[in-house]
Amino acid sequence: MKRQNNIILYTQRVEIITAYHERRDCADQRIARFLQACGFIPVPVNNLPEFAEEFAGCVRPAGILLTGGNDLAAYGGNAPERDATERVLLDYAVQRDLPVLGFCRGMQMIADYFGNTLQPVKNHVACRHKITGDLPHKSVNSYHNWGVSTIEDPLYALERTEDGIIEAICHRERSVMGIMWHPEREDPFAEEDIWLFSEFFKSGKDAVD
């Protein structure tokens, strides 16, 4: 599919407001600012799985970003409509070889989508970790209770923490990648993250090979 713009679609968390009987889609404004810093036009996607493919087809983005927030429903989360929306977007992207990058929950979704099982992890909330691997990052933030210590084909690990938790993954053939940290929560934004996102959405898998 020909990409005619530099729009990045990004997913949103679901917030349940019981006082108003509302299920609200929302996202940290820093996500949009971070994508702008990477040179892209950020466009949010509503958690409407029946509409997601049509919306992506109208926008024809340069890539899709799966963001953080909400556990997957299979692991106790309360936003199944978000899971369904992101699966539709992953199907859409994989079928068209469109770059997909996920952070935190987004990486968890990618791991789950390709048949991996998440596990509860300790000491990975509101802290920083040293990581080692193929990316230029040395230390990253951490805000997750679920993760993976092993990963199955067609995914492989790019980065790990000292306690063995995988912090970044990539697809062996497709332009699909996941990281467990939140790039939008760095102040200022980390140059390594800006480089990673810019290169990945421009050149896909080649950026991390």
N, C-alpha and C. Protein backbone atom coordinates (compact mmCIF):
# COMPACT_ATOMS: atom_id res chain seq x y z
N MET A 1 0.84 -1.20 0.00
CA MET A 1 0.00 0.00 0.00
C MET A 1 0.87 1.24 0.00
N LYS A 2 0.61 2.16 -0.90
CA LYS A 2 1.37 3.39 -0.97
C LYS A 2 1.02 4.30 0.20
N ARG A 3 2.05 4.82 0.87
CA ARG A 3 1.85 5.71 2.01
C ARG A 3 2.05 7.14 1.53
N GLN A 4 1.01 7.94 1.66
CA GLN A 4 1.01 9.27 1.07
C GLN A 4 1.21 10.37 2.11
N ASN A 5 1.40 10.02 3.38
CA ASN A 5 1.50 11.05 4.39
C ASN A 5 2.38 10.55 5.53
N ASN A 6 2.54 11.37 6.53
CA ASN A 6 3.33 10.96 7.70
C ASN A 6 2.46 10.91 8.95
N ILE A 7 1.20 10.50 8.75
CA ILE A 7 0.27 10.32 9.86
C ILE A 7 0.57 9.01 10.59
N ILE A 8 0.58 9.06 11.91
CA ILE A 8 0.66 7.87 12.74
C ILE A 8 -0.65 7.76 13.53
N LEU A 9 -1.38 6.68 13.32
CA LEU A 9 -2.56 6.41 14.14
C LEU A 9 -2.10 5.88 15.50
N TYR A 10 -2.69 6.37 16.58
CA TYR A 10 -2.34 5.83 17.88
C TYR A 10 -3.60 5.48 18.66
N THR A 11 -3.52 4.38 19.42
CA THR A 11 -4.66 3.90 20.16
C THR A 11 -4.79 4.62 21.50
N GLN A 12 -5.96 4.48 22.11
CA GLN A 12 -6.26 5.18 23.35
C GLN A 12 -6.69 4.20 24.44
N ARG A 13 -6.46 4.59 25.69
CA ARG A 13 -6.95 3.78 26.81
C ARG A 13 -8.44 4.00 26.99
N VAL A 14 -9.09 3.10 27.73
CA VAL A 14 -10.50 3.23 28.08
C VAL A 14 -10.59 3.58 29.56
N GLU A 15 -11.25 4.68 29.86
CA GLU A 15 -11.52 5.07 31.24
C GLU A 15 -13.02 4.90 31.50
N ILE A 16 -13.37 4.22 32.57
CA ILE A 16 -14.77 3.98 32.91
C ILE A 16 -15.20 4.99 33.98
N ILE A 17 -16.14 5.85 33.62
CA ILE A 17 -16.64 6.88 34.52
C ILE A 17 -18.02 6.44 35.01
N THR A 18 -18.05 5.80 36.16
CA THR A 18 -19.30 5.20 36.64
C THR A 18 -20.37 6.24 36.96
N ALA A 19 -19.97 7.41 37.41
CA ALA A 19 -20.95 8.44 37.78
C ALA A 19 -21.79 8.87 36.58
N TYR A 20 -21.21 8.78 35.39
CA TYR A 20 -21.93 9.20 34.18
C TYR A 20 -22.28 8.03 33.27
N HIS A 21 -21.98 6.81 33.72
CA HIS A 21 -22.24 5.61 32.91
C HIS A 21 -21.57 5.72 31.55
N GLU A 22 -20.32 6.17 31.58
CA GLU A 22 -19.58 6.40 30.34
C GLU A 22 -18.31 5.55 30.27
N ARG A 23 -17.99 5.13 29.07
CA ARG A 23 -16.71 4.51 28.77
C ARG A 23 -15.99 5.47 27.83
N ARG A 24 -14.97 6.12 28.33
CA ARG A 24 -14.31 7.19 27.58
C ARG A 24 -12.98 6.73 26.99
N ASP A 25 -12.74 7.06 25.73
CA ASP A 25 -11.43 6.89 25.10
C ASP A 25 -10.60 8.12 25.41
N CYS A 26 -9.35 7.92 25.84
CA CYS A 26 -8.50 9.06 26.16
C CYS A 26 -7.04 8.66 26.07
N ALA A 27 -6.18 9.65 25.97
CA ALA A 27 -4.74 9.40 25.88
C ALA A 27 -4.00 10.60 26.45
N ASP A 28 -2.86 10.32 27.04
CA ASP A 28 -1.98 11.37 27.53
C ASP A 28 -1.59 12.29 26.37
N GLN A 29 -1.71 13.59 26.57
CA GLN A 29 -1.34 14.54 25.51
C GLN A 29 0.13 14.42 25.13
N ARG A 30 0.94 13.91 26.05
CA ARG A 30 2.37 13.76 25.76
C ARG A 30 2.63 12.76 24.64
N ILE A 31 1.69 11.83 24.40
CA ILE A 31 1.87 10.88 23.29
C ILE A 31 1.86 11.63 21.96
N ALA A 32 0.89 12.51 21.80
CA ALA A 32 0.81 13.30 20.57
C ALA A 32 2.03 14.21 20.44
N ARG A 33 2.46 14.81 21.54
CA ARG A 33 3.63 15.69 21.49
C ARG A 33 4.89 14.91 21.12
N PHE A 34 4.99 13.70 21.67
CA PHE A 34 6.16 12.88 21.34
C PHE A 34 6.17 12.52 19.86
N LEU A 35 5.04 12.12 19.30
CA LEU A 35 4.99 11.79 17.88
C LEU A 35 5.31 13.01 17.02
N GLN A 36 4.84 14.18 17.46
CA GLN A 36 5.19 15.41 16.74
C GLN A 36 6.70 15.65 16.78
N ALA A 37 7.32 15.39 17.93
CA ALA A 37 8.77 15.56 18.07
C ALA A 37 9.53 14.60 17.15
N CYS A 38 8.89 13.48 16.82
CA CYS A 38 9.51 12.50 15.92
C CYS A 38 9.27 12.85 14.45
N GLY A 39 8.50 13.90 14.20
CA GLY A 39 8.26 14.34 12.83
C GLY A 39 6.99 13.81 12.20
N PHE A 40 6.04 13.33 13.03
CA PHE A 40 4.81 12.75 12.50
C PHE A 40 3.58 13.55 12.92
N ILE A 41 2.48 13.30 12.22
CA ILE A 41 1.19 13.89 12.57
C ILE A 41 0.41 12.85 13.36
N PRO A 42 0.13 13.10 14.64
CA PRO A 42 -0.57 12.11 15.48
C PRO A 42 -2.08 12.17 15.30
N VAL A 43 -2.70 11.01 15.09
CA VAL A 43 -4.16 10.93 14.94
C VAL A 43 -4.68 9.80 15.83
N PRO A 44 -5.53 10.09 16.82
CA PRO A 44 -6.04 9.04 17.72
C PRO A 44 -7.12 8.19 17.06
N VAL A 45 -7.24 6.95 17.54
CA VAL A 45 -8.25 6.01 17.04
C VAL A 45 -9.21 5.71 18.18
N ASN A 46 -10.50 5.75 17.91
CA ASN A 46 -11.49 5.37 18.92
C ASN A 46 -11.55 3.85 19.05
N ASN A 47 -11.93 3.39 20.23
CA ASN A 47 -12.04 1.95 20.49
C ASN A 47 -13.38 1.42 19.99
N LEU A 48 -13.52 1.42 18.68
CA LEU A 48 -14.70 0.90 17.99
C LEU A 48 -14.20 -0.13 16.98
N PRO A 49 -14.08 -1.40 17.37
CA PRO A 49 -13.48 -2.39 16.48
C PRO A 49 -14.19 -2.54 15.15
N GLU A 50 -15.49 -2.32 15.13
CA GLU A 50 -16.23 -2.47 13.88
C GLU A 50 -15.94 -1.34 12.89
N PHE A 51 -15.30 -0.27 13.37
CA PHE A 51 -15.02 0.90 12.54
C PHE A 51 -13.53 1.09 12.28
N ALA A 52 -12.69 0.38 13.02
CA ALA A 52 -11.25 0.65 12.99
C ALA A 52 -10.62 0.44 11.62
N GLU A 53 -10.98 -0.64 10.94
CA GLU A 53 -10.37 -0.91 9.63
C GLU A 53 -10.79 0.14 8.61
N GLU A 54 -12.06 0.51 8.62
CA GLU A 54 -12.54 1.54 7.70
C GLU A 54 -11.83 2.87 7.96
N PHE A 55 -11.67 3.21 9.23
CA PHE A 55 -11.01 4.46 9.59
C PHE A 55 -9.56 4.46 9.11
N ALA A 56 -8.83 3.36 9.36
CA ALA A 56 -7.44 3.27 8.91
C ALA A 56 -7.35 3.36 7.39
N GLY A 57 -8.31 2.74 6.70
CA GLY A 57 -8.30 2.80 5.24
C GLY A 57 -8.52 4.20 4.71
N CYS A 58 -9.33 4.98 5.42
CA CYS A 58 -9.56 6.37 5.00
C CYS A 58 -8.33 7.24 5.26
N VAL A 59 -7.68 7.04 6.40
CA VAL A 59 -6.53 7.86 6.77
C VAL A 59 -5.27 7.45 6.02
N ARG A 60 -5.11 6.16 5.76
CA ARG A 60 -3.93 5.61 5.09
C ARG A 60 -2.64 6.08 5.78
N PRO A 61 -2.45 5.67 7.02
CA PRO A 61 -1.32 6.19 7.81
C PRO A 61 0.02 5.61 7.38
N ALA A 62 1.08 6.25 7.86
CA ALA A 62 2.43 5.73 7.64
C ALA A 62 2.76 4.64 8.64
N GLY A 63 1.98 4.54 9.73
CA GLY A 63 2.21 3.52 10.73
C GLY A 63 1.17 3.59 11.82
N ILE A 64 1.20 2.60 12.72
CA ILE A 64 0.25 2.51 13.82
C ILE A 64 1.02 2.34 15.12
N LEU A 65 0.61 3.10 16.14
CA LEU A 65 1.22 3.02 17.46
C LEU A 65 0.20 2.49 18.45
N LEU A 66 0.54 1.37 19.10
CA LEU A 66 -0.29 0.81 20.17
C LEU A 66 0.27 1.33 21.49
N THR A 67 -0.54 2.06 22.24
CA THR A 67 -0.04 2.77 23.42
C THR A 67 -0.27 1.99 24.71
N GLY A 68 0.05 2.61 25.85
CA GLY A 68 -0.05 1.97 27.15
C GLY A 68 -1.42 2.14 27.79
N GLY A 69 -1.57 1.57 29.00
CA GLY A 69 -2.81 1.67 29.74
C GLY A 69 -3.74 0.49 29.49
N ASN A 70 -4.53 0.10 30.50
CA ASN A 70 -5.46 -1.03 30.44
C ASN A 70 -4.73 -2.36 30.28
N ASP A 71 -4.91 -3.26 31.23
CA ASP A 71 -4.44 -4.63 31.03
C ASP A 71 -5.28 -5.29 29.95
N LEU A 72 -4.70 -6.28 29.28
CA LEU A 72 -5.48 -7.07 28.33
C LEU A 72 -6.60 -7.79 29.08
N ALA A 73 -7.75 -7.96 28.42
CA ALA A 73 -8.90 -8.58 29.07
C ALA A 73 -8.59 -9.99 29.55
N ALA A 74 -7.75 -10.70 28.81
CA ALA A 74 -7.38 -12.07 29.19
C ALA A 74 -6.59 -12.11 30.49
N TYR A 75 -6.07 -10.95 30.93
CA TYR A 75 -5.28 -10.88 32.15
C TYR A 75 -5.92 -9.95 33.19
N GLY A 76 -7.24 -9.87 33.13
CA GLY A 76 -7.97 -9.13 34.14
C GLY A 76 -8.39 -7.72 33.75
N GLY A 77 -8.06 -7.30 32.56
CA GLY A 77 -8.43 -5.95 32.12
C GLY A 77 -9.91 -5.80 31.86
N ASN A 78 -10.39 -4.56 31.88
CA ASN A 78 -11.83 -4.29 31.75
C ASN A 78 -12.18 -3.53 30.48
N ALA A 79 -11.33 -3.64 29.45
CA ALA A 79 -11.58 -2.91 28.20
C ALA A 79 -11.47 -3.85 26.99
N PRO A 80 -12.36 -4.84 26.88
CA PRO A 80 -12.28 -5.77 25.75
C PRO A 80 -12.43 -5.09 24.39
N GLU A 81 -13.15 -3.96 24.36
CA GLU A 81 -13.29 -3.25 23.09
C GLU A 81 -11.97 -2.69 22.60
N ARG A 82 -11.09 -2.38 23.54
CA ARG A 82 -9.76 -1.91 23.13
C ARG A 82 -8.94 -3.07 22.56
N ASP A 83 -8.98 -4.22 23.24
CA ASP A 83 -8.29 -5.40 22.72
C ASP A 83 -8.74 -5.70 21.29
N ALA A 84 -10.06 -5.67 21.08
CA ALA A 84 -10.60 -5.99 19.76
C ALA A 84 -10.18 -4.97 18.72
N THR A 85 -10.18 -3.70 19.09
CA THR A 85 -9.76 -2.64 18.16
C THR A 85 -8.31 -2.82 17.76
N GLU A 86 -7.44 -3.10 18.73
CA GLU A 86 -6.03 -3.24 18.42
C GLU A 86 -5.75 -4.50 17.60
N ARG A 87 -6.53 -5.54 17.79
CA ARG A 87 -6.37 -6.73 16.96
C ARG A 87 -6.77 -6.44 15.51
N VAL A 88 -7.83 -5.66 15.33
CA VAL A 88 -8.22 -5.26 13.97
C VAL A 88 -7.11 -4.44 13.32
N LEU A 89 -6.53 -3.51 14.06
CA LEU A 89 -5.46 -2.68 13.52
C LEU A 89 -4.21 -3.51 13.22
N LEU A 90 -3.90 -4.49 14.08
CA LEU A 90 -2.77 -5.37 13.80
C LEU A 90 -3.02 -6.19 12.53
N ASP A 91 -4.22 -6.73 12.39
CA ASP A 91 -4.56 -7.46 11.16
C ASP A 91 -4.38 -6.56 9.94
N TYR A 92 -4.92 -5.35 10.04
CA TYR A 92 -4.83 -4.38 8.94
C TYR A 92 -3.38 -4.11 8.57
N ALA A 93 -2.54 -3.89 9.57
CA ALA A 93 -1.15 -3.53 9.32
C ALA A 93 -0.35 -4.72 8.77
N VAL A 94 -0.53 -5.89 9.36
CA VAL A 94 0.22 -7.08 8.93
C VAL A 94 -0.11 -7.42 7.48
N GLN A 95 -1.38 -7.31 7.12
CA GLN A 95 -1.79 -7.62 5.75
C GLN A 95 -1.20 -6.65 4.73
N ARG A 96 -0.83 -5.45 5.18
CA ARG A 96 -0.32 -4.43 4.27
C ARG A 96 1.15 -4.09 4.50
N ASP A 97 1.81 -4.84 5.38
CA ASP A 97 3.19 -4.60 5.75
C ASP A 97 3.39 -3.15 6.20
N LEU A 98 2.46 -2.69 7.02
CA LEU A 98 2.50 -1.34 7.57
C LEU A 98 3.19 -1.38 8.93
N PRO A 99 4.13 -0.50 9.21
CA PRO A 99 4.84 -0.54 10.49
C PRO A 99 3.90 -0.39 11.70
N VAL A 100 4.09 -1.26 12.68
CA VAL A 100 3.36 -1.18 13.94
C VAL A 100 4.37 -1.18 15.07
N LEU A 101 4.26 -0.21 15.97
CA LEU A 101 5.11 -0.15 17.14
C LEU A 101 4.21 -0.05 18.37
N GLY A 102 4.49 -0.86 19.39
CA GLY A 102 3.70 -0.81 20.61
C GLY A 102 4.58 -0.52 21.80
N PHE A 103 4.09 0.30 22.75
CA PHE A 103 4.84 0.49 23.98
C PHE A 103 4.00 0.07 25.18
N CYS A 104 4.68 -0.51 26.18
CA CYS A 104 4.08 -1.03 27.40
C CYS A 104 2.93 -1.99 27.06
N ARG A 105 1.69 -1.66 27.36
CA ARG A 105 0.57 -2.53 27.00
C ARG A 105 0.62 -2.87 25.50
N GLY A 106 1.08 -1.90 24.68
CA GLY A 106 1.17 -2.14 23.24
C GLY A 106 2.08 -3.31 22.91
N MET A 107 3.23 -3.43 23.61
CA MET A 107 4.09 -4.58 23.40
C MET A 107 3.43 -5.85 23.91
N GLN A 108 2.71 -5.75 25.03
CA GLN A 108 2.00 -6.91 25.54
C GLN A 108 0.97 -7.41 24.53
N MET A 109 0.27 -6.48 23.89
CA MET A 109 -0.71 -6.86 22.87
C MET A 109 -0.03 -7.56 21.69
N ILE A 110 1.12 -7.04 21.26
CA ILE A 110 1.84 -7.66 20.15
C ILE A 110 2.29 -9.07 20.53
N ALA A 111 2.84 -9.22 21.74
CA ALA A 111 3.27 -10.54 22.19
C ALA A 111 2.09 -11.51 22.21
N ASP A 112 0.96 -11.08 22.75
CA ASP A 112 -0.23 -11.91 22.82
C ASP A 112 -0.77 -12.23 21.43
N TYR A 113 -0.77 -11.27 20.56
CA TYR A 113 -1.29 -11.44 19.20
C TYR A 113 -0.54 -12.54 18.47
N PHE A 114 0.76 -12.66 18.72
CA PHE A 114 1.57 -13.67 18.05
C PHE A 114 1.75 -14.93 18.91
N GLY A 115 0.83 -15.16 19.85
CA GLY A 115 0.76 -16.43 20.54
C GLY A 115 1.59 -16.60 21.78
N ASN A 116 2.09 -15.52 22.36
CA ASN A 116 2.89 -15.60 23.58
C ASN A 116 2.03 -15.38 24.82
N THR A 117 2.48 -15.91 25.94
CA THR A 117 1.75 -15.79 27.21
C THR A 117 2.47 -14.80 28.11
N LEU A 118 1.72 -13.85 28.66
CA LEU A 118 2.29 -12.88 29.60
C LEU A 118 2.40 -13.51 30.98
N GLN A 119 3.26 -12.94 31.80
CA GLN A 119 3.44 -13.40 33.17
C GLN A 119 3.50 -12.20 34.09
N PRO A 120 3.03 -12.33 35.34
CA PRO A 120 3.16 -11.22 36.29
C PRO A 120 4.63 -10.97 36.62
N VAL A 121 5.00 -9.70 36.74
CA VAL A 121 6.38 -9.36 37.08
C VAL A 121 6.38 -8.44 38.30
N LYS A 122 7.44 -8.49 39.06
CA LYS A 122 7.57 -7.66 40.26
C LYS A 122 8.65 -6.59 40.06
N ASN A 123 8.49 -5.49 40.78
CA ASN A 123 9.48 -4.41 40.79
C ASN A 123 9.67 -3.78 39.41
N HIS A 124 8.58 -3.63 38.67
CA HIS A 124 8.64 -2.98 37.37
C HIS A 124 7.64 -1.83 37.26
N VAL A 125 7.23 -1.28 38.39
CA VAL A 125 6.28 -0.16 38.38
C VAL A 125 6.93 1.07 39.00
N ALA A 126 6.85 2.20 38.28
CA ALA A 126 7.37 3.49 38.77
C ALA A 126 8.83 3.40 39.18
N CYS A 127 9.65 2.85 38.27
CA CYS A 127 11.08 2.74 38.53
C CYS A 127 11.82 2.80 37.20
N ARG A 128 13.15 2.68 37.27
CA ARG A 128 13.96 2.64 36.06
C ARG A 128 14.78 1.36 36.06
N HIS A 129 15.09 0.89 34.83
CA HIS A 129 15.89 -0.32 34.69
C HIS A 129 17.02 -0.08 33.69
N LYS A 130 18.16 -0.66 33.97
CA LYS A 130 19.20 -0.77 32.96
C LYS A 130 18.81 -1.88 32.00
N ILE A 131 19.04 -1.67 30.72
CA ILE A 131 18.74 -2.70 29.74
C ILE A 131 19.94 -2.92 28.83
N THR A 132 20.03 -4.11 28.28
CA THR A 132 21.11 -4.45 27.36
C THR A 132 20.52 -5.17 26.16
N GLY A 133 21.15 -4.93 25.01
CA GLY A 133 20.67 -5.57 23.79
C GLY A 133 21.11 -4.83 22.55
N ASP A 134 20.22 -4.76 21.56
CA ASP A 134 20.56 -4.25 20.24
C ASP A 134 20.26 -2.78 20.03
N LEU A 135 19.56 -2.13 20.96
CA LEU A 135 19.19 -0.74 20.79
C LEU A 135 20.16 0.16 21.56
N PRO A 136 20.19 1.46 21.26
CA PRO A 136 21.14 2.36 21.91
C PRO A 136 20.75 2.77 23.33
N HIS A 137 19.63 2.26 23.84
CA HIS A 137 19.16 2.65 25.17
C HIS A 137 19.99 1.97 26.26
N LYS A 138 20.26 2.69 27.32
CA LYS A 138 20.99 2.17 28.48
C LYS A 138 20.10 2.02 29.70
N SER A 139 19.12 2.92 29.83
CA SER A 139 18.22 2.91 30.98
C SER A 139 16.85 3.40 30.52
N VAL A 140 15.79 2.74 31.03
CA VAL A 140 14.44 3.11 30.61
C VAL A 140 13.51 3.13 31.83
N ASN A 141 12.38 3.85 31.69
CA ASN A 141 11.38 3.86 32.74
C ASN A 141 10.55 2.58 32.69
N SER A 142 9.80 2.32 33.75
CA SER A 142 9.05 1.06 33.82
C SER A 142 7.76 1.27 34.60
N TYR A 143 6.61 0.84 34.00
CA TYR A 143 5.30 1.02 34.62
C TYR A 143 4.39 -0.16 34.32
N HIS A 144 4.87 -1.38 34.49
CA HIS A 144 4.04 -2.52 34.09
C HIS A 144 4.09 -3.65 35.11
N ASN A 145 2.94 -4.34 35.22
CA ASN A 145 2.82 -5.50 36.10
C ASN A 145 2.85 -6.83 35.34
N TRP A 146 2.80 -6.75 34.01
CA TRP A 146 2.84 -7.95 33.18
C TRP A 146 4.00 -7.82 32.19
N GLY A 147 4.59 -8.96 31.86
CA GLY A 147 5.70 -8.95 30.91
C GLY A 147 5.97 -10.34 30.38
N VAL A 148 7.10 -10.50 29.70
CA VAL A 148 7.52 -11.80 29.18
C VAL A 148 9.02 -11.98 29.42
N SER A 149 9.39 -13.18 29.76
CA SER A 149 10.82 -13.50 29.91
C SER A 149 11.30 -14.42 28.80
N THR A 150 10.35 -14.99 28.05
CA THR A 150 10.66 -15.78 26.85
C THR A 150 9.72 -15.32 25.75
N ILE A 151 10.14 -15.47 24.52
CA ILE A 151 9.33 -15.04 23.38
C ILE A 151 9.48 -16.06 22.26
N GLU A 152 8.40 -16.34 21.57
CA GLU A 152 8.39 -17.37 20.53
C GLU A 152 8.40 -16.76 19.14
N ASP A 153 8.94 -17.54 18.16
CA ASP A 153 8.86 -17.13 16.76
C ASP A 153 7.41 -16.87 16.38
N PRO A 154 7.18 -15.85 15.54
CA PRO A 154 8.15 -15.11 14.72
C PRO A 154 8.73 -13.87 15.41
N LEU A 155 8.55 -13.73 16.73
CA LEU A 155 9.13 -12.60 17.45
C LEU A 155 10.46 -13.00 18.06
N TYR A 156 11.31 -12.02 18.31
CA TYR A 156 12.56 -12.27 19.02
C TYR A 156 12.87 -11.07 19.92
N ALA A 157 13.68 -11.30 20.94
CA ALA A 157 13.99 -10.27 21.93
C ALA A 157 15.10 -9.35 21.43
N LEU A 158 14.91 -8.05 21.65
CA LEU A 158 15.92 -7.04 21.34
C LEU A 158 16.64 -6.54 22.58
N GLU A 159 15.91 -6.43 23.69
CA GLU A 159 16.46 -5.86 24.93
C GLU A 159 15.93 -6.63 26.14
N ARG A 160 16.76 -6.71 27.19
CA ARG A 160 16.35 -7.33 28.44
C ARG A 160 16.82 -6.48 29.62
N THR A 161 16.13 -6.64 30.74
CA THR A 161 16.57 -6.03 31.98
C THR A 161 17.51 -6.99 32.70
N GLU A 162 18.11 -6.52 33.77
CA GLU A 162 19.04 -7.35 34.52
C GLU A 162 18.35 -8.56 35.17
N ASP A 163 17.03 -8.45 35.43
CA ASP A 163 16.31 -9.58 36.01
C ASP A 163 15.69 -10.50 34.96
N GLY A 164 16.07 -10.31 33.69
CA GLY A 164 15.67 -11.23 32.64
C GLY A 164 14.38 -10.94 31.92
N ILE A 165 13.69 -9.84 32.25
CA ILE A 165 12.44 -9.49 31.58
C ILE A 165 12.76 -8.84 30.23
N ILE A 166 12.04 -9.27 29.21
CA ILE A 166 12.26 -8.73 27.86
C ILE A 166 11.66 -7.32 27.78
N GLU A 167 12.46 -6.37 27.33
CA GLU A 167 12.04 -4.97 27.25
C GLU A 167 11.78 -4.48 25.83
N ALA A 168 12.16 -5.27 24.84
CA ALA A 168 11.88 -4.89 23.45
C ALA A 168 11.86 -6.15 22.60
N ILE A 169 10.93 -6.18 21.64
CA ILE A 169 10.78 -7.32 20.74
C ILE A 169 10.62 -6.83 19.31
N CYS A 170 10.87 -7.73 18.37
CA CYS A 170 10.71 -7.40 16.96
C CYS A 170 10.26 -8.64 16.21
N HIS A 171 9.53 -8.47 15.15
CA HIS A 171 9.10 -9.56 14.27
C HIS A 171 10.23 -9.89 13.32
N ARG A 172 10.44 -11.15 13.03
CA ARG A 172 11.56 -11.56 12.17
C ARG A 172 11.37 -11.15 10.72
N GLU A 173 10.13 -10.98 10.28
CA GLU A 173 9.87 -10.67 8.87
C GLU A 173 9.05 -9.42 8.66
N ARG A 174 8.15 -9.12 9.56
CA ARG A 174 7.26 -7.97 9.42
C ARG A 174 7.81 -6.75 10.16
N SER A 175 7.27 -5.58 9.81
CA SER A 175 7.65 -4.34 10.49
C SER A 175 6.79 -4.16 11.74
N VAL A 176 7.03 -5.03 12.71
CA VAL A 176 6.28 -5.02 13.97
C VAL A 176 7.29 -5.03 15.11
N MET A 177 7.15 -4.10 16.04
CA MET A 177 8.11 -3.96 17.13
C MET A 177 7.38 -3.55 18.40
N GLY A 178 7.91 -3.96 19.55
CA GLY A 178 7.35 -3.55 20.83
C GLY A 178 8.43 -3.18 21.82
N ILE A 179 8.14 -2.19 22.67
CA ILE A 179 9.04 -1.80 23.76
C ILE A 179 8.20 -1.69 25.03
N MET A 180 8.80 -1.93 26.19
CA MET A 180 8.04 -1.93 27.43
C MET A 180 8.06 -0.59 28.16
N TRP A 181 8.86 0.36 27.73
CA TRP A 181 8.90 1.65 28.43
C TRP A 181 7.99 2.67 27.76
N HIS A 182 7.77 3.79 28.46
CA HIS A 182 6.91 4.87 27.98
C HIS A 182 7.78 6.02 27.48
N PRO A 183 7.97 6.19 26.18
CA PRO A 183 8.81 7.29 25.68
C PRO A 183 8.22 8.66 25.96
N GLU A 184 6.90 8.73 26.05
CA GLU A 184 6.25 10.04 26.25
C GLU A 184 6.43 10.55 27.67
N ARG A 185 6.85 9.69 28.60
CA ARG A 185 7.00 10.10 30.00
C ARG A 185 8.40 10.59 30.34
N GLU A 186 9.30 10.60 29.37
CA GLU A 186 10.63 11.16 29.61
C GLU A 186 10.58 12.68 29.45
N ASP A 187 11.24 13.38 30.32
CA ASP A 187 11.24 14.85 30.27
C ASP A 187 12.68 15.35 30.43
N PRO A 188 13.27 15.84 29.35
CA PRO A 188 12.74 15.93 28.00
C PRO A 188 12.69 14.55 27.32
N PHE A 189 12.04 14.49 26.14
CA PHE A 189 12.01 13.24 25.41
C PHE A 189 13.43 12.78 25.11
N ALA A 190 13.66 11.48 25.23
CA ALA A 190 15.00 10.93 25.01
C ALA A 190 15.34 10.91 23.52
N GLU A 191 16.53 11.35 23.20
CA GLU A 191 16.96 11.34 21.79
C GLU A 191 16.95 9.93 21.22
N GLU A 192 17.27 8.93 22.07
CA GLU A 192 17.26 7.55 21.59
C GLU A 192 15.86 7.12 21.16
N ASP A 193 14.84 7.57 21.90
CA ASP A 193 13.46 7.23 21.55
C ASP A 193 13.02 7.95 20.28
N ILE A 194 13.37 9.21 20.16
CA ILE A 194 13.02 9.96 18.95
C ILE A 194 13.66 9.31 17.74
N TRP A 195 14.92 8.93 17.86
CA TRP A 195 15.60 8.25 16.75
C TRP A 195 14.91 6.94 16.42
N LEU A 196 14.60 6.14 17.45
CA LEU A 196 14.00 4.83 17.23
C LEU A 196 12.66 4.94 16.52
N PHE A 197 11.77 5.79 17.02
CA PHE A 197 10.46 5.93 16.41
C PHE A 197 10.55 6.51 15.00
N SER A 198 11.38 7.52 14.82
CA SER A 198 11.52 8.14 13.50
C SER A 198 12.01 7.13 12.47
N GLU A 199 13.06 6.40 12.82
CA GLU A 199 13.63 5.44 11.88
C GLU A 199 12.70 4.27 11.63
N PHE A 200 12.06 3.78 12.69
CA PHE A 200 11.19 2.61 12.52
C PHE A 200 10.00 2.93 11.62
N PHE A 201 9.34 4.04 11.87
CA PHE A 201 8.16 4.35 11.06
C PHE A 201 8.53 4.78 9.64
N LYS A 202 9.77 5.17 9.43
CA LYS A 202 10.20 5.51 8.07
C LYS A 202 10.70 4.30 7.28
N SER A 203 11.42 3.42 7.97
CA SER A 203 12.05 2.30 7.25
C SER A 203 11.64 0.92 7.75
N GLY A 204 10.76 0.86 8.75
CA GLY A 204 10.25 -0.41 9.22
C GLY A 204 11.30 -1.27 9.88
N LYS A 205 11.23 -2.55 9.64
CA LYS A 205 12.12 -3.51 10.31
C LYS A 205 13.60 -3.21 10.06
N ASP A 206 13.92 -2.62 8.90
CA ASP A 206 15.32 -2.33 8.58
C ASP A 206 15.96 -1.44 9.64
N ALA A 207 15.16 -0.66 10.38
CA ALA A 207 15.70 0.27 11.37
C ALA A 207 16.35 -0.45 12.54
N VAL A 208 15.93 -1.68 12.82
CA VAL A 208 16.48 -2.40 13.98
C VAL A 208 17.28 -3.64 13.58
N ASP A 209 17.46 -3.86 12.29
CA ASP A 209 18.27 -4.99 11.83
C ASP A 209 19.75 -4.66 11.87
